[in-house]
């Protein structure tokens, strides 16, 4: 029975993430302005396209909301796992880590294939960023820095994304392989920050596997952009002035 309960809880966490991720932020903002964002610009339901079509401020707002759409469910699910007794479930290593990652997968799948918008969603960069902020903020800062440096020189968000996301994935190998521990935060989250008992970057191979799967999803969603980049046909990214 314990195994059955564990599988059911895993599915519930996955579905919870999917339903939250399916909230079509860019489409909602587009409809506030009387348009279906998927019919304009790059036809992508993402913050970048909102910025192109509607305006810079609305594009940034969409990106921030999509980041929060991943970060907040991860945080809420983690706090639930910390403070709600689940004595009917078996105790095993990386329990919280696994379940929080399942929520992140659900969010990213929901954003990409939204239930409420005909399964035609965005490319998941902002949601991936929200996930990385939660599991390893330091990695997010480094990858985000690379993203903006690339955008400064090449003016293409697609190029910045397909380089910064794999770069973040490579950084995940450092704490996973070396069991690198820094910034002790024993006082937070009932004895440990995020997943480890002692450290912000105490990540196991569980997170590494899920980070790889989500990074792969982002890259696959950008295959058309990659082909245009190879041919030199990818347009520069310019946000419309508000």
C-alpha atoms as a PDB file:
ATOM      1  CA  UNK A   1       0.000   0.000   0.000  1.00  0.00           C
ATOM      2  CA  UNK A   2       2.845   2.395   0.751  1.00  0.00           C
ATOM      3  CA  UNK A   3       4.114   2.041  -2.806  1.00  0.00           C
ATOM      4  CA  UNK A   4       0.625   2.696  -4.182  1.00  0.00           C
ATOM      5  CA  UNK A   5       0.270   5.811  -2.020  1.00  0.00           C
ATOM      6  CA  UNK A   6       3.676   7.027  -3.176  1.00  0.00           C
ATOM      7  CA  UNK A   7       2.768   6.610  -6.848  1.00  0.00           C
ATOM      8  CA  UNK A   8      -0.578   8.359  -6.323  1.00  0.00           C
ATOM      9  CA  UNK A   9       1.085  11.250  -4.500  1.00  0.00           C
ATOM     10  CA  UNK A  10       3.677  11.529  -7.275  1.00  0.00           C
ATOM     11  CA  UNK A  11       0.876  11.762  -9.841  1.00  0.00           C
ATOM     12  CA  UNK A  12      -0.917  14.370  -7.734  1.00  0.00           C
ATOM     13  CA  UNK A  13       2.215  16.511  -7.550  1.00  0.00           C
ATOM     14  CA  UNK A  14       2.748  16.137 -11.294  1.00  0.00           C
ATOM     15  CA  UNK A  15      -0.874  17.065 -12.044  1.00  0.00           C
ATOM     16  CA  UNK A  16      -0.729  20.001  -9.615  1.00  0.00           C
ATOM     17  CA  UNK A  17       2.297  21.363 -11.460  1.00  0.00           C
ATOM     18  CA  UNK A  18       0.681  20.756 -14.841  1.00  0.00           C
ATOM     19  CA  UNK A  19      -2.515  22.620 -13.942  1.00  0.00           C
ATOM     20  CA  UNK A  20      -0.534  25.608 -12.658  1.00  0.00           C
ATOM     21  CA  UNK A  21       1.802  25.537 -15.652  1.00  0.00           C
ATOM     22  CA  UNK A  22      -1.168  25.441 -18.014  1.00  0.00           C
ATOM     23  CA  UNK A  23      -2.212  28.956 -16.992  1.00  0.00           C
ATOM     24  CA  UNK A  24      -1.485  30.719 -20.324  1.00  0.00           C
ATOM     25  CA  UNK A  25       0.046  33.937 -19.038  1.00  0.00           C
ATOM     26  CA  UNK A  26       1.000  35.359 -22.431  1.00  0.00           C
ATOM     27  CA  UNK A  27      -2.363  34.492 -23.950  1.00  0.00           C
ATOM     28  CA  UNK A  28      -4.205  36.158 -21.062  1.00  0.00           C
ATOM     29  CA  UNK A  29      -2.131  39.324 -21.420  1.00  0.00           C
ATOM     30  CA  UNK A  30      -2.643  39.240 -25.175  1.00  0.00           C
ATOM     31  CA  UNK A  31      -6.395  39.002 -24.714  1.00  0.00           C
ATOM     32  CA  UNK A  32      -6.308  41.948 -22.323  1.00  0.00           C
ATOM     33  CA  UNK A  33      -5.108  43.833 -25.398  1.00  0.00           C
ATOM     34  CA  UNK A  34      -7.717  42.242 -27.616  1.00  0.00           C
ATOM     35  CA  UNK A  35      -5.484  39.801 -29.510  1.00  0.00           C
ATOM     36  CA  UNK A  36      -4.456  36.155 -29.568  1.00  0.00           C
ATOM     37  CA  UNK A  37      -0.689  36.443 -29.189  1.00  0.00           C
ATOM     38  CA  UNK A  38      -0.247  33.178 -31.109  1.00  0.00           C
ATOM     39  CA  UNK A  39      -1.460  34.881 -34.259  1.00  0.00           C
ATOM     40  CA  UNK A  40       1.125  37.676 -34.205  1.00  0.00           C
ATOM     41  CA  UNK A  41       4.891  38.081 -34.262  1.00  0.00           C
ATOM     42  CA  UNK A  42       6.627  34.729 -33.917  1.00  0.00           C
ATOM     43  CA  UNK A  43       3.263  33.071 -33.089  1.00  0.00           C
ATOM     44  CA  UNK A  44       4.803  31.782 -29.845  1.00  0.00           C
ATOM     45  CA  UNK A  45       2.872  32.012 -26.584  1.00  0.00           C
ATOM     46  CA  UNK A  46       5.745  33.444 -24.578  1.00  0.00           C
ATOM     47  CA  UNK A  47       6.955  36.618 -22.949  1.00  0.00           C
ATOM     48  CA  UNK A  48       9.356  37.487 -25.754  1.00  0.00           C
ATOM     49  CA  UNK A  49       6.561  37.532 -28.303  1.00  0.00           C
ATOM     50  CA  UNK A  50       4.393  39.596 -25.971  1.00  0.00           C
ATOM     51  CA  UNK A  51       7.243  42.098 -25.768  1.00  0.00           C
ATOM     52  CA  UNK A  52       7.509  42.221 -29.549  1.00  0.00           C
ATOM     53  CA  UNK A  53       3.792  42.605 -30.202  1.00  0.00           C
ATOM     54  CA  UNK A  54       2.269  44.311 -27.157  1.00  0.00           C
ATOM     55  CA  UNK A  55       5.155  46.165 -25.552  1.00  0.00           C
ATOM     56  CA  UNK A  56       8.317  45.858 -23.481  1.00  0.00           C
ATOM     57  CA  UNK A  57       6.680  46.278 -20.068  1.00  0.00           C
ATOM     58  CA  UNK A  58       4.027  43.671 -20.829  1.00  0.00           C
ATOM     59  CA  UNK A  59       6.671  41.311 -22.151  1.00  0.00           C
ATOM     60  CA  UNK A  60       8.747  41.648 -18.989  1.00  0.00           C
ATOM     61  CA  UNK A  61       5.621  41.181 -16.868  1.00  0.00           C
ATOM     62  CA  UNK A  62       4.806  37.979 -18.753  1.00  0.00           C
ATOM     63  CA  UNK A  63       8.325  36.633 -18.265  1.00  0.00           C
ATOM     64  CA  UNK A  64       8.257  37.415 -14.534  1.00  0.00           C
ATOM     65  CA  UNK A  65       4.866  35.742 -14.132  1.00  0.00           C
ATOM     66  CA  UNK A  66       6.088  32.660 -15.986  1.00  0.00           C
ATOM     67  CA  UNK A  67       9.139  32.496 -13.723  1.00  0.00           C
ATOM     68  CA  UNK A  68       6.878  32.705 -10.668  1.00  0.00           C
ATOM     69  CA  UNK A  69       4.591  30.099 -12.240  1.00  0.00           C
ATOM     70  CA  UNK A  70       7.421  27.604 -11.746  1.00  0.00           C
ATOM     71  CA  UNK A  71       9.027  28.965  -8.592  1.00  0.00           C
ATOM     72  CA  UNK A  72       5.913  29.314  -6.427  1.00  0.00           C
ATOM     73  CA  UNK A  73       4.539  25.756  -6.962  1.00  0.00           C
ATOM     74  CA  UNK A  74       7.993  24.340  -6.195  1.00  0.00           C
ATOM     75  CA  UNK A  75       8.156  26.385  -2.993  1.00  0.00           C
ATOM     76  CA  UNK A  76       4.616  25.527  -1.924  1.00  0.00           C
ATOM     77  CA  UNK A  77       5.114  21.828  -2.568  1.00  0.00           C
ATOM     78  CA  UNK A  78       8.370  21.852  -0.628  1.00  0.00           C
ATOM     79  CA  UNK A  79       6.789  23.604   2.348  1.00  0.00           C
ATOM     80  CA  UNK A  80       3.927  21.102   2.218  1.00  0.00           C
ATOM     81  CA  UNK A  81       6.374  18.206   2.327  1.00  0.00           C
ATOM     82  CA  UNK A  82       8.265  19.781   5.234  1.00  0.00           C
ATOM     83  CA  UNK A  83       5.380  20.765   7.480  1.00  0.00           C
ATOM     84  CA  UNK A  84       2.619  18.244   6.705  1.00  0.00           C
ATOM     85  CA  UNK A  85       3.161  14.806   8.294  1.00  0.00           C
ATOM     86  CA  UNK A  86       2.951  12.077   5.654  1.00  0.00           C
ATOM     87  CA  UNK A  87       3.456   9.072   7.889  1.00  0.00           C
ATOM     88  CA  UNK A  88       1.592   6.779   5.512  1.00  0.00           C
ATOM     89  CA  UNK A  89       4.308   7.237   2.887  1.00  0.00           C
ATOM     90  CA  UNK A  90       7.608   5.371   3.041  1.00  0.00           C
ATOM     91  CA  UNK A  91      10.667   7.383   3.976  1.00  0.00           C
ATOM     92  CA  UNK A  92      13.496   7.309   1.437  1.00  0.00           C
ATOM     93  CA  UNK A  93      16.460   9.450   0.472  1.00  0.00           C
ATOM     94  CA  UNK A  94      15.709  12.517  -1.638  1.00  0.00           C
ATOM     95  CA  UNK A  95      11.965  12.190  -1.008  1.00  0.00           C
ATOM     96  CA  UNK A  96      11.289  15.942  -1.058  1.00  0.00           C
ATOM     97  CA  UNK A  97      13.712  16.490  -3.892  1.00  0.00           C
ATOM     98  CA  UNK A  98      11.942  13.963  -6.117  1.00  0.00           C
ATOM     99  CA  UNK A  99       8.462  15.314  -5.467  1.00  0.00           C
ATOM    100  CA  UNK A 100       9.437  18.955  -5.962  1.00  0.00           C
ATOM    101  CA  UNK A 101      11.094  18.038  -9.253  1.00  0.00           C
ATOM    102  CA  UNK A 102       7.894  16.291 -10.340  1.00  0.00           C
ATOM    103  CA  UNK A 103       6.018  19.526  -9.721  1.00  0.00           C
ATOM    104  CA  UNK A 104       8.576  21.381 -11.858  1.00  0.00           C
ATOM    105  CA  UNK A 105       8.158  18.865 -14.678  1.00  0.00           C
ATOM    106  CA  UNK A 106       4.387  19.304 -14.483  1.00  0.00           C
ATOM    107  CA  UNK A 107       4.713  23.090 -14.655  1.00  0.00           C
ATOM    108  CA  UNK A 108       7.005  22.987 -17.678  1.00  0.00           C
ATOM    109  CA  UNK A 109       4.788  20.488 -19.514  1.00  0.00           C
ATOM    110  CA  UNK A 110       1.746  22.606 -18.678  1.00  0.00           C
ATOM    111  CA  UNK A 111       3.412  25.756 -19.975  1.00  0.00           C
ATOM    112  CA  UNK A 112       4.468  24.001 -23.177  1.00  0.00           C
ATOM    113  CA  UNK A 113       1.227  22.076 -23.730  1.00  0.00           C
ATOM    114  CA  UNK A 114      -1.371  24.086 -21.774  1.00  0.00           C
ATOM    115  CA  UNK A 115      -4.650  22.382 -20.981  1.00  0.00           C
ATOM    116  CA  UNK A 116      -6.523  25.698 -21.044  1.00  0.00           C
ATOM    117  CA  UNK A 117      -5.161  26.881 -24.407  1.00  0.00           C
ATOM    118  CA  UNK A 118      -5.478  24.004 -26.853  1.00  0.00           C
ATOM    119  CA  UNK A 119      -2.100  22.514 -25.862  1.00  0.00           C
ATOM    120  CA  UNK A 120      -0.269  25.260 -27.810  1.00  0.00           C
ATOM    121  CA  UNK A 121       2.052  27.003 -25.378  1.00  0.00           C
ATOM    122  CA  UNK A 122       5.469  28.606 -25.038  1.00  0.00           C
ATOM    123  CA  UNK A 123       9.052  27.403 -25.150  1.00  0.00           C
ATOM    124  CA  UNK A 124       9.540  27.080 -21.398  1.00  0.00           C
ATOM    125  CA  UNK A 125      12.627  29.272 -20.890  1.00  0.00           C
ATOM    126  CA  UNK A 126      11.078  31.408 -18.151  1.00  0.00           C
ATOM    127  CA  UNK A 127       9.622  28.370 -16.371  1.00  0.00           C
ATOM    128  CA  UNK A 128      13.006  26.662 -16.497  1.00  0.00           C
ATOM    129  CA  UNK A 129      14.500  29.811 -14.987  1.00  0.00           C
ATOM    130  CA  UNK A 130      11.952  29.714 -12.157  1.00  0.00           C
ATOM    131  CA  UNK A 131      12.832  26.094 -11.498  1.00  0.00           C
ATOM    132  CA  UNK A 132      16.580  26.832 -11.386  1.00  0.00           C
ATOM    133  CA  UNK A 133      16.009  29.803  -9.067  1.00  0.00           C
ATOM    134  CA  UNK A 134      14.361  27.442  -6.613  1.00  0.00           C
ATOM    135  CA  UNK A 135      16.765  24.500  -6.710  1.00  0.00           C
ATOM    136  CA  UNK A 136      20.029  26.444  -7.100  1.00  0.00           C
ATOM    137  CA  UNK A 137      19.872  30.271  -7.092  1.00  0.00           C
ATOM    138  CA  UNK A 138      23.633  30.595  -7.579  1.00  0.00           C
ATOM    139  CA  UNK A 139      23.441  28.600 -10.800  1.00  0.00           C
ATOM    140  CA  UNK A 140      20.597  30.839 -11.949  1.00  0.00           C
ATOM    141  CA  UNK A 141      22.679  33.983 -11.364  1.00  0.00           C
ATOM    142  CA  UNK A 142      25.598  32.589 -13.392  1.00  0.00           C
ATOM    143  CA  UNK A 143      23.408  31.349 -16.251  1.00  0.00           C
ATOM    144  CA  UNK A 144      21.367  34.548 -16.263  1.00  0.00           C
ATOM    145  CA  UNK A 145      24.559  36.599 -16.491  1.00  0.00           C
ATOM    146  CA  UNK A 146      25.640  34.610 -19.538  1.00  0.00           C
ATOM    147  CA  UNK A 147      22.150  35.029 -21.038  1.00  0.00           C
ATOM    148  CA  UNK A 148      22.266  38.818 -20.829  1.00  0.00           C
ATOM    149  CA  UNK A 149      25.865  39.031 -22.053  1.00  0.00           C
ATOM    150  CA  UNK A 150      24.925  37.017 -25.144  1.00  0.00           C
ATOM    151  CA  UNK A 151      21.806  39.099 -25.692  1.00  0.00           C
ATOM    152  CA  UNK A 152      23.840  42.300 -25.374  1.00  0.00           C
ATOM    153  CA  UNK A 153      26.148  41.216 -28.203  1.00  0.00           C
ATOM    154  CA  UNK A 154      23.818  39.249 -30.486  1.00  0.00           C
ATOM    155  CA  UNK A 155      20.361  40.709 -29.755  1.00  0.00           C
ATOM    156  CA  UNK A 156      18.641  37.346 -30.108  1.00  0.00           C
ATOM    157  CA  UNK A 157      16.820  35.835 -27.136  1.00  0.00           C
ATOM    158  CA  UNK A 158      16.625  32.464 -28.867  1.00  0.00           C
ATOM    159  CA  UNK A 159      20.415  32.269 -29.140  1.00  0.00           C
ATOM    160  CA  UNK A 160      20.856  33.386 -25.532  1.00  0.00           C
ATOM    161  CA  UNK A 161      18.355  30.759 -24.401  1.00  0.00           C
ATOM    162  CA  UNK A 162      19.788  27.754 -26.232  1.00  0.00           C
ATOM    163  CA  UNK A 163      23.241  28.535 -24.824  1.00  0.00           C
ATOM    164  CA  UNK A 164      22.362  29.670 -21.287  1.00  0.00           C
ATOM    165  CA  UNK A 165      20.026  26.750 -20.532  1.00  0.00           C
ATOM    166  CA  UNK A 166      22.611  24.007 -21.354  1.00  0.00           C
ATOM    167  CA  UNK A 167      25.199  26.110 -19.517  1.00  0.00           C
ATOM    168  CA  UNK A 168      23.006  26.015 -16.398  1.00  0.00           C
ATOM    169  CA  UNK A 169      22.712  22.251 -16.823  1.00  0.00           C
ATOM    170  CA  UNK A 170      26.497  21.887 -16.930  1.00  0.00           C
ATOM    171  CA  UNK A 171      26.748  23.878 -13.711  1.00  0.00           C
ATOM    172  CA  UNK A 172      24.404  21.388 -12.028  1.00  0.00           C
ATOM    173  CA  UNK A 173      27.103  18.747 -12.407  1.00  0.00           C
ATOM    174  CA  UNK A 174      29.405  20.601 -10.009  1.00  0.00           C
ATOM    175  CA  UNK A 175      27.356  20.227  -6.787  1.00  0.00           C
ATOM    176  CA  UNK A 176      25.979  16.846  -7.867  1.00  0.00           C
ATOM    177  CA  UNK A 177      29.373  15.257  -8.535  1.00  0.00           C
ATOM    178  CA  UNK A 178      31.444  17.014  -5.883  1.00  0.00           C
ATOM    179  CA  UNK A 179      28.682  17.212  -3.261  1.00  0.00           C
ATOM    180  CA  UNK A 180      29.693  20.858  -2.972  1.00  0.00           C
ATOM    181  CA  UNK A 181      28.259  22.541   0.115  1.00  0.00           C
ATOM    182  CA  UNK A 182      28.252  26.280   0.678  1.00  0.00           C
ATOM    183  CA  UNK A 183      26.169  28.891   2.448  1.00  0.00           C
ATOM    184  CA  UNK A 184      24.898  26.878   5.438  1.00  0.00           C
ATOM    185  CA  UNK A 185      21.249  27.683   6.092  1.00  0.00           C
ATOM    186  CA  UNK A 186      20.286  25.249   8.829  1.00  0.00           C
ATOM    187  CA  UNK A 187      17.742  27.644  10.285  1.00  0.00           C
ATOM    188  CA  UNK A 188      15.555  27.724   7.198  1.00  0.00           C
ATOM    189  CA  UNK A 189      12.850  25.292   6.157  1.00  0.00           C
ATOM    190  CA  UNK A 190      12.900  23.248   9.339  1.00  0.00           C
ATOM    191  CA  UNK A 191      16.534  22.243   9.269  1.00  0.00           C
ATOM    192  CA  UNK A 192      17.759  22.733   5.750  1.00  0.00           C
ATOM    193  CA  UNK A 193      17.478  24.922   2.705  1.00  0.00           C
ATOM    194  CA  UNK A 194      15.854  23.281  -0.258  1.00  0.00           C
ATOM    195  CA  UNK A 195      16.800  19.592  -0.243  1.00  0.00           C
ATOM    196  CA  UNK A 196      19.984  19.131   1.716  1.00  0.00           C
ATOM    197  CA  UNK A 197      20.300  19.207   5.457  1.00  0.00           C
ATOM    198  CA  UNK A 198      23.086  21.720   5.343  1.00  0.00           C
ATOM    199  CA  UNK A 199      23.389  23.646   2.130  1.00  0.00           C
ATOM    200  CA  UNK A 200      21.930  25.596  -0.735  1.00  0.00           C
ATOM    201  CA  UNK A 201      23.791  23.599  -3.362  1.00  0.00           C
ATOM    202  CA  UNK A 202      23.437  20.158  -1.845  1.00  0.00           C
ATOM    203  CA  UNK A 203      21.856  18.572  -4.922  1.00  0.00           C
ATOM    204  CA  UNK A 204      21.704  14.903  -5.748  1.00  0.00           C
ATOM    205  CA  UNK A 205      21.547  13.103  -9.074  1.00  0.00           C
ATOM    206  CA  UNK A 206      17.756  13.302  -8.812  1.00  0.00           C
ATOM    207  CA  UNK A 207      17.811  17.018  -9.543  1.00  0.00           C
ATOM    208  CA  UNK A 208      20.537  16.535 -12.140  1.00  0.00           C
ATOM    209  CA  UNK A 209      18.337  14.081 -14.067  1.00  0.00           C
ATOM    210  CA  UNK A 210      15.302  16.343 -13.963  1.00  0.00           C
ATOM    211  CA  UNK A 211      17.363  19.421 -14.847  1.00  0.00           C
ATOM    212  CA  UNK A 212      18.626  17.519 -17.890  1.00  0.00           C
ATOM    213  CA  UNK A 213      15.107  16.517 -18.970  1.00  0.00           C
ATOM    214  CA  UNK A 214      13.780  20.057 -18.621  1.00  0.00           C
ATOM    215  CA  UNK A 215      16.785  21.567 -20.414  1.00  0.00           C
ATOM    216  CA  UNK A 216      16.233  19.056 -23.212  1.00  0.00           C
ATOM    217  CA  UNK A 217      12.601  20.170 -23.456  1.00  0.00           C
ATOM    218  CA  UNK A 218      13.692  23.805 -23.811  1.00  0.00           C
ATOM    219  CA  UNK A 219      16.227  22.977 -26.534  1.00  0.00           C
ATOM    220  CA  UNK A 220      13.746  20.809 -28.450  1.00  0.00           C
ATOM    221  CA  UNK A 221      11.230  23.652 -28.370  1.00  0.00           C
ATOM    222  CA  UNK A 222      13.873  25.844 -30.000  1.00  0.00           C
ATOM    223  CA  UNK A 223      14.782  23.501 -32.873  1.00  0.00           C
ATOM    224  CA  UNK A 224      13.227  25.817 -35.464  1.00  0.00           C
ATOM    225  CA  UNK A 225      15.176  28.746 -33.990  1.00  0.00           C
ATOM    226  CA  UNK A 226      18.397  26.717 -34.059  1.00  0.00           C
ATOM    227  CA  UNK A 227      17.899  25.903 -37.734  1.00  0.00           C
ATOM    228  CA  UNK A 228      17.337  29.590 -38.529  1.00  0.00           C
ATOM    229  CA  UNK A 229      20.418  30.520 -36.502  1.00  0.00           C
ATOM    230  CA  UNK A 230      22.490  28.043 -38.520  1.00  0.00           C
ATOM    231  CA  UNK A 231      21.246  29.615 -41.752  1.00  0.00           C
ATOM    232  CA  UNK A 232      21.694  33.158 -40.455  1.00  0.00           C
ATOM    233  CA  UNK A 233      17.963  33.773 -40.802  1.00  0.00           C
ATOM    234  CA  UNK A 234      16.995  34.250 -37.163  1.00  0.00           C
ATOM    235  CA  UNK A 235      15.750  37.846 -36.678  1.00  0.00           C
ATOM    236  CA  UNK A 236      17.002  40.051 -33.879  1.00  0.00           C
ATOM    237  CA  UNK A 237      14.769  40.473 -30.839  1.00  0.00           C
ATOM    238  CA  UNK A 238      13.379  43.958 -30.405  1.00  0.00           C
ATOM    239  CA  UNK A 239      10.635  44.788 -27.938  1.00  0.00           C
ATOM    240  CA  UNK A 240       7.940  47.230 -28.944  1.00  0.00           C
ATOM    241  CA  UNK A 241       8.017  50.491 -27.028  1.00  0.00           C
ATOM    242  CA  UNK A 242       5.085  50.891 -24.626  1.00  0.00           C
END
